Protein backbone atom coordinates (compact mmCIF):
# COMPACT_ATOMS: atom_id res chain seq x y z
CA MET A 1 88.27 -5.78 18.35
CA LYS A 2 91.43 -7.74 18.72
CA LYS A 3 94.32 -6.65 16.53
CA LEU A 4 95.32 -9.02 13.84
CA VAL A 5 99.02 -7.73 13.84
CA PRO A 6 100.64 -6.65 17.08
CA ASP A 7 102.48 -3.31 17.45
CA PRO A 8 106.16 -3.69 16.39
CA PRO A 9 108.61 -3.75 19.34
CA VAL A 10 110.04 -0.33 18.58
CA THR A 11 112.01 0.16 21.76
CA ASP A 12 114.89 -2.09 20.63
CA LEU A 13 115.09 -0.84 17.16
CA THR A 14 117.85 1.27 15.84
CA TYR A 15 117.04 4.27 13.55
CA GLN A 16 118.21 2.28 10.41
CA ALA A 17 116.23 -0.83 11.53
CA ALA A 18 112.96 1.33 12.00
CA LYS A 19 113.60 3.16 8.70
CA SER A 20 113.90 -0.29 6.91
CA GLN A 21 110.71 -1.64 8.57
CA ALA A 22 108.77 1.59 7.95
CA THR A 23 109.73 1.41 4.16
CA GLN A 24 108.43 -2.23 4.10
CA VAL A 25 105.26 -1.16 5.89
CA MET A 26 104.72 1.69 3.17
CA ASP A 27 105.15 -0.78 0.51
CA THR A 28 102.62 -3.20 2.00
CA LEU A 29 100.32 -0.39 2.56
CA SER A 30 100.58 0.80 -1.02
CA ASN A 31 99.81 -2.74 -2.31
CA ILE A 32 96.78 -2.99 -0.01
CA ILE A 33 95.43 0.32 -1.34
CA ILE A 34 95.78 -0.93 -4.92
CA GLN A 35 93.90 -4.15 -4.00
CA TYR A 36 91.18 -2.10 -2.19
CA LEU A 37 90.75 0.23 -5.30
CA ASP A 38 90.35 -2.83 -7.53
CA ALA A 39 88.23 -4.92 -5.12
CA GLU A 40 84.31 -4.91 -5.58
CA ALA A 41 83.15 -7.47 -3.01
CA PRO A 42 82.10 -5.47 0.19
CA ALA A 43 83.62 -8.16 2.51
CA LEU A 44 86.91 -8.04 0.83
CA ARG A 45 86.77 -4.04 0.74
CA SER A 46 85.99 -4.08 4.56
CA SER A 47 88.90 -6.45 5.15
CA LEU A 48 91.41 -4.49 3.25
CA LEU A 49 90.30 -1.28 4.90
CA GLU A 50 91.05 -3.08 8.30
CA ASN A 51 94.42 -4.10 6.98
CA MET A 52 95.16 -0.55 5.89
CA SER A 53 94.31 0.74 9.39
CA ILE A 54 96.72 -1.85 11.00
CA GLN A 55 99.59 -0.99 8.61
CA THR A 56 98.94 2.88 9.24
CA ASN A 57 99.19 2.23 12.92
CA GLN A 58 102.33 0.30 12.59
CA LEU A 59 103.81 3.06 10.43
CA GLN A 60 102.95 5.64 12.86
CA ALA A 61 104.70 3.88 15.73
CA LEU A 62 107.90 3.28 13.50
CA LEU A 63 107.79 6.93 12.59
CA ALA A 64 107.44 8.12 16.07
CA HIS A 65 110.38 5.96 17.09
CA MET A 66 112.46 7.37 14.33
CA LYS A 67 111.56 10.81 15.43
CA ALA A 68 112.60 10.02 18.89
CA GLN A 69 115.69 8.51 17.75
CA GLU A 70 116.72 11.75 15.80
CA ALA A 71 115.80 13.86 18.99
CA LYS A 72 118.45 11.87 20.95
CA ALA A 73 121.12 12.36 18.40
């Protein structure tokens, strides 16, 4: 399955930029979860689950980058 959103280019991000993006992704993920809990249509719930998965993958990449930046410091 083709990803709807590409992975973020984490190699050029500073720690603070990654932290800011991670915060935005967490906020987006939270909003999607709320929509999922309120949704009744199976097709919508499926789409929201896919979006949660994508956001979680982005968050994981950003947090890994932040961890690597901390290790360098």
